[in-house]
Amino acid sequence: MSDEHPTIAPEWYRDAFGTLYPIVYAHRTVAAAAPETAFAIRQTGLRPTDRVLDLCCGNGRHLFHLAGHAAHATGLDYSPQLLALARTSVDTRAALVRADMRSIPFVEAFDVVTSFFTSFGYFLSPEENLRVVRGVSRALRRGGRLFIDYLNPTHVKNTLVPHSVRHHDACQIVEERWIDTDRCRVNKTTNVLKDGHPIAEFGESVRLYDPNEFQALLAEGGLLAERVWGDYSGVPPSDEQPRMIVLARKA
């Protein structure tokens, strides 16, 4: 890794999902989440009587649709700001819990757990990421299913855009991306400017798991992969597909 890149704080996730998240990810809307959630509902066989947990639910854009399908829906996230936004979205149709995903506070409570938009691989140590998987397994009932939408590492490496500039309302969003090959992570820094003046800067860092490594991690945590897709159209995984979407079942 080149020394010219800034250092990403190990606990970057404490600051990256605050009040500016809806601006940086304005394109990630409730409407855009509808077909993604519908795909997850079909593939998991989620029934109206099932209990579902949306792990790292963020502002509730997928939870909104899950709560419309299942009578018992719960969203878990670490960010109080995003949970406040989720409450305005899902109203009283879903329970919301603030917790660290390394310490999921449920035991055999859910038939399905969902994880959308690369909400995994945040932590530097393999043990911490494994704790998340084990927590999911513990939260699932016997035969419960995990639907996890993760990035495809080969596609990330082949298509990475090192520098980009976007605009949303009066804000300019400047993003720098690079891959830390030593740690197998993809990193990003985001600078937000309003009327030309910097108002926020934060980093993100996510572990790059190849498919075999990712499925082995799930298995170590008690979840056996059953199907894998390359995106939400249901195509098989390949180097050309952007996602690694996995359906796993509690062993």
Protein backbone atom coordinates (compact mmCIF):
# COMPACT_ATOMS: atom_id res chain seq x y z
CA MET A 1 0.00 0.00 0.00
CA SER A 2 1.33 3.41 -0.93
CA ASP A 3 2.23 5.79 1.88
CA GLU A 4 0.37 8.58 0.08
CA HIS A 5 -2.96 7.18 1.21
CA PRO A 6 -4.41 8.40 4.51
CA THR A 7 -4.81 6.09 7.45
CA ILE A 8 -8.31 4.76 8.05
CA ALA A 9 -9.14 4.58 11.75
CA PRO A 10 -9.80 1.02 12.97
CA GLU A 11 -13.18 2.13 14.34
CA TRP A 12 -14.09 4.20 11.26
CA TYR A 13 -17.70 2.95 11.43
CA ARG A 14 -18.32 5.07 14.53
CA ASP A 15 -18.23 8.25 12.42
CA ALA A 16 -19.11 7.13 8.89
CA PHE A 17 -22.83 6.61 9.45
CA GLY A 18 -23.93 9.92 10.88
CA THR A 19 -26.19 12.76 9.81
CA LEU A 20 -24.49 13.18 6.42
CA TYR A 21 -25.08 9.58 5.37
CA PRO A 22 -28.40 10.43 3.62
CA ILE A 23 -26.53 13.03 1.57
CA VAL A 24 -23.55 10.87 0.64
CA TYR A 25 -25.82 7.95 -0.24
CA ALA A 26 -28.86 9.89 -1.42
CA HIS A 27 -29.37 7.41 -4.27
CA ARG A 28 -29.95 4.58 -1.75
CA THR A 29 -33.67 5.17 -1.30
CA VAL A 30 -36.66 3.22 -0.01
CA ALA A 31 -37.91 2.91 -3.59
CA ALA A 32 -34.56 1.58 -4.83
CA ALA A 33 -34.60 -1.02 -2.05
CA ALA A 34 -37.96 -2.48 -3.13
CA PRO A 35 -36.71 -4.92 -5.82
CA GLU A 36 -33.72 -5.91 -3.68
CA THR A 37 -35.98 -6.73 -0.74
CA ALA A 38 -38.42 -8.58 -2.98
CA PHE A 39 -35.56 -10.75 -4.25
CA ALA A 40 -34.49 -11.51 -0.66
CA ILE A 41 -38.06 -12.38 0.34
CA ARG A 42 -38.40 -14.80 -2.58
CA GLN A 43 -35.07 -16.51 -2.07
CA THR A 44 -35.41 -16.91 1.70
CA GLY A 45 -39.04 -17.99 1.45
CA LEU A 46 -39.93 -15.40 4.07
CA ARG A 47 -43.52 -15.93 5.19
CA PRO A 48 -45.85 -13.36 6.75
CA THR A 49 -45.71 -15.30 10.02
CA ASP A 50 -41.88 -15.41 10.11
CA ARG A 51 -39.68 -13.25 12.28
CA VAL A 52 -37.02 -11.31 10.36
CA LEU A 53 -34.02 -9.28 11.52
CA ASP A 54 -32.48 -6.68 9.21
CA LEU A 55 -28.89 -6.48 10.43
CA CYS A 56 -27.29 -3.04 10.02
CA CYS A 57 -30.65 -1.70 8.89
CA GLY A 58 -29.38 1.87 8.51
CA ASN A 59 -32.16 4.30 7.71
CA GLY A 60 -34.62 1.44 7.27
CA ARG A 61 -35.00 1.43 3.51
CA HIS A 62 -35.06 -2.40 3.26
CA LEU A 63 -36.74 -2.79 6.64
CA PHE A 64 -39.64 -0.73 5.33
CA HIS A 65 -40.44 -3.45 2.79
CA LEU A 66 -39.65 -6.35 5.12
CA ALA A 67 -42.09 -4.93 7.67
CA GLY A 68 -44.73 -4.76 4.98
CA HIS A 69 -44.35 -8.48 4.34
CA ALA A 70 -43.62 -10.05 7.73
CA ALA A 71 -45.66 -9.33 10.84
CA HIS A 72 -42.56 -9.46 13.05
CA ALA A 73 -39.69 -7.34 11.69
CA THR A 74 -36.75 -5.94 13.66
CA GLY A 75 -33.96 -3.60 12.57
CA LEU A 76 -30.57 -3.46 14.30
CA ASP A 77 -27.98 -0.77 13.77
CA TYR A 78 -25.16 0.94 15.65
CA SER A 79 -25.88 4.48 14.43
CA PRO A 80 -28.41 6.44 16.53
CA GLN A 81 -28.75 8.96 13.69
CA LEU A 82 -29.71 6.31 11.14
CA LEU A 83 -32.03 4.59 13.59
CA ALA A 84 -33.84 7.90 14.08
CA LEU A 85 -34.34 8.09 10.31
CA ALA A 86 -35.48 4.47 10.26
CA ARG A 87 -38.14 5.25 12.84
CA THR A 88 -39.64 7.90 10.56
CA SER A 89 -39.63 5.38 7.70
CA VAL A 90 -41.04 2.26 9.34
CA ASP A 91 -43.13 4.07 11.97
CA THR A 92 -44.34 1.45 14.46
CA ARG A 93 -44.40 -1.51 12.06
CA ALA A 94 -40.95 -2.72 13.12
CA ALA A 95 -38.89 -2.86 16.29
CA LEU A 96 -35.58 -0.98 16.25
CA VAL A 97 -32.57 -1.94 18.36
CA ARG A 98 -29.27 -0.13 18.78
CA ALA A 99 -26.45 -2.64 19.14
CA ASP A 100 -22.99 -3.55 17.91
CA MET A 101 -23.25 -6.34 15.32
CA ARG A 102 -20.45 -8.16 17.14
CA SER A 103 -22.85 -8.53 20.07
CA ILE A 104 -26.26 -9.31 18.57
CA PRO A 105 -28.59 -9.49 21.59
CA PHE A 106 -30.89 -12.29 20.40
CA VAL A 107 -30.96 -16.06 20.79
CA GLU A 108 -32.98 -18.29 18.43
CA ALA A 109 -35.39 -15.42 17.82
CA PHE A 110 -35.57 -15.17 14.00
CA ASP A 111 -36.42 -17.28 10.98
CA VAL A 112 -34.52 -14.97 8.60
CA VAL A 113 -31.67 -12.49 8.96
CA THR A 114 -30.92 -10.07 6.11
CA SER A 115 -27.78 -8.03 5.52
CA PHE A 116 -27.82 -5.60 2.58
CA PHE A 117 -25.29 -3.27 0.93
CA THR A 118 -21.97 -4.72 2.19
CA SER A 119 -22.74 -4.34 5.89
CA PHE A 120 -20.02 -6.78 6.89
CA GLY A 121 -16.22 -7.08 7.00
CA TYR A 122 -15.81 -3.81 8.88
CA PHE A 123 -13.44 -5.09 11.53
CA LEU A 124 -9.67 -5.54 11.21
CA SER A 125 -9.37 -8.83 13.07
CA PRO A 126 -10.77 -12.07 11.62
CA GLU A 127 -12.05 -12.96 15.08
CA GLU A 128 -14.31 -9.90 15.23
CA ASN A 129 -15.87 -10.60 11.83
CA LEU A 130 -16.36 -14.23 12.88
CA ARG A 131 -18.15 -12.98 16.01
CA VAL A 132 -20.70 -11.32 13.74
CA VAL A 133 -21.36 -14.59 11.88
CA ARG A 134 -21.66 -16.52 15.13
CA GLY A 135 -24.04 -13.90 16.46
CA VAL A 136 -26.23 -14.26 13.38
CA SER A 137 -26.23 -18.04 13.77
CA ARG A 138 -27.14 -17.70 17.44
CA ALA A 139 -29.98 -15.30 16.62
CA LEU A 140 -31.49 -17.69 14.06
CA ARG A 141 -33.87 -20.46 14.89
CA ARG A 142 -33.09 -23.99 13.80
CA GLY A 143 -33.02 -24.08 10.00
CA GLY A 144 -33.09 -20.27 9.83
CA ARG A 145 -31.74 -18.46 6.77
CA LEU A 146 -29.23 -15.67 6.26
CA PHE A 147 -29.47 -13.51 3.13
CA ILE A 148 -26.30 -11.44 2.82
CA ASP A 149 -25.49 -9.03 0.00
CA TYR A 150 -21.74 -8.54 -0.22
CA LEU A 151 -19.31 -7.12 -2.76
CA ASN A 152 -17.53 -9.24 -5.37
CA PRO A 153 -13.81 -8.70 -4.69
CA THR A 154 -12.65 -9.47 -8.23
CA HIS A 155 -15.14 -7.02 -9.69
CA VAL A 156 -14.05 -4.39 -7.16
CA LYS A 157 -10.40 -4.80 -8.16
CA ASN A 158 -11.20 -4.68 -11.88
CA THR A 159 -13.51 -1.67 -11.78
CA LEU A 160 -12.24 0.47 -8.87
CA VAL A 161 -12.56 4.20 -9.55
CA PRO A 162 -9.72 5.88 -7.61
CA HIS A 163 -11.26 9.36 -7.64
CA SER A 164 -14.79 10.67 -8.12
CA VAL A 165 -16.74 13.86 -7.53
CA ARG A 166 -20.53 14.00 -7.10
CA HIS A 167 -23.02 16.69 -6.18
CA HIS A 168 -26.18 16.55 -4.11
CA ASP A 169 -28.10 19.75 -3.51
CA ALA A 170 -25.50 22.29 -2.34
CA CYS A 171 -22.96 19.62 -1.34
CA GLN A 172 -19.96 18.37 -3.27
CA ILE A 173 -18.88 14.81 -2.43
CA VAL A 174 -15.26 13.92 -3.18
CA GLU A 175 -14.28 10.26 -2.82
CA GLU A 176 -10.89 8.56 -3.02
CA ARG A 177 -10.61 4.75 -3.23
CA TRP A 178 -7.76 2.29 -3.06
CA ILE A 179 -7.04 -1.33 -2.22
CA ASP A 180 -4.79 -2.30 0.67
CA THR A 181 -3.36 -5.54 -0.72
CA ASP A 182 -1.51 -6.36 2.52
CA ARG A 183 -4.74 -6.44 4.53
CA CYS A 184 -7.07 -7.48 1.69
CA ARG A 185 -9.27 -4.42 2.18
CA VAL A 186 -10.89 -1.82 -0.03
CA ASN A 187 -10.68 1.66 1.48
CA LYS A 188 -12.40 4.94 0.79
CA THR A 189 -12.23 8.48 2.11
CA THR A 190 -15.12 10.86 1.64
CA ASN A 191 -14.89 14.64 1.86
CA VAL A 192 -18.12 16.64 1.90
CA LEU A 193 -18.04 20.31 0.98
CA LYS A 194 -20.89 22.79 1.10
CA ASP A 195 -20.63 25.97 -0.96
CA GLY A 196 -16.96 25.12 -1.39
CA HIS A 197 -16.22 24.77 2.32
CA PRO A 198 -15.31 21.41 3.91
CA ILE A 199 -17.93 20.27 6.41
CA ALA A 200 -17.02 16.61 6.98
CA GLU A 201 -14.40 13.98 6.24
CA PHE A 202 -14.54 10.28 7.08
CA GLY A 203 -13.10 6.96 5.97
CA GLU A 204 -14.44 3.48 5.27
CA SER A 205 -12.64 0.14 5.10
CA VAL A 206 -14.10 -3.26 4.21
CA ARG A 207 -12.47 -6.68 4.05
CA LEU A 208 -12.26 -8.31 0.62
CA TYR A 209 -13.25 -11.98 0.93
CA ASP A 210 -12.95 -14.27 -2.08
CA PRO A 211 -16.00 -16.55 -2.49
CA ASN A 212 -14.40 -19.67 -0.98
CA GLU A 213 -13.01 -17.71 1.94
CA PHE A 214 -16.37 -16.05 2.56
CA GLN A 215 -18.29 -19.32 2.54
CA ALA A 216 -15.67 -20.92 4.82
CA LEU A 217 -16.13 -18.03 7.27
CA LEU A 218 -19.90 -18.54 7.25
CA ALA A 219 -19.43 -22.28 7.83
CA GLU A 220 -17.06 -21.66 10.73
CA GLY A 221 -19.79 -19.55 12.31
CA GLY A 222 -22.42 -22.24 11.81
CA LEU A 223 -24.02 -21.11 8.53
CA LEU A 224 -23.85 -23.26 5.38
CA ALA A 225 -24.06 -21.49 2.01
CA GLU A 226 -26.78 -22.92 -0.24
CA ARG A 227 -26.93 -20.51 -3.17
CA VAL A 228 -24.87 -17.62 -4.55
CA TRP A 229 -25.87 -14.92 -7.07
CA GLY A 230 -23.93 -12.23 -8.89
CA ASP A 231 -26.56 -9.52 -8.58
CA TYR A 232 -30.24 -8.98 -7.86
CA SER A 233 -31.32 -10.23 -11.28
CA GLY A 234 -30.45 -13.73 -10.05
CA VAL A 235 -27.55 -14.35 -12.43
CA PRO A 236 -24.79 -16.77 -11.33
CA PRO A 237 -21.65 -15.28 -9.77
CA SER A 238 -18.77 -14.38 -12.09
CA ASP A 239 -15.88 -11.92 -12.29
CA GLU A 240 -18.12 -9.59 -14.29
CA GLN A 241 -20.91 -9.43 -11.72
CA PRO A 242 -20.77 -6.71 -9.03
CA ARG A 243 -22.14 -8.59 -6.04
CA MET A 244 -21.68 -11.79 -4.04
CA ILE A 245 -25.16 -12.46 -2.69
CA VAL A 246 -25.30 -15.55 -0.50
CA LEU A 247 -28.19 -17.52 0.93
CA ALA A 248 -27.02 -19.60 3.91
CA ARG A 249 -28.82 -21.79 6.39
CA LYS A 250 -28.15 -22.43 10.07
CA ALA A 251 -26.42 -25.79 10.32
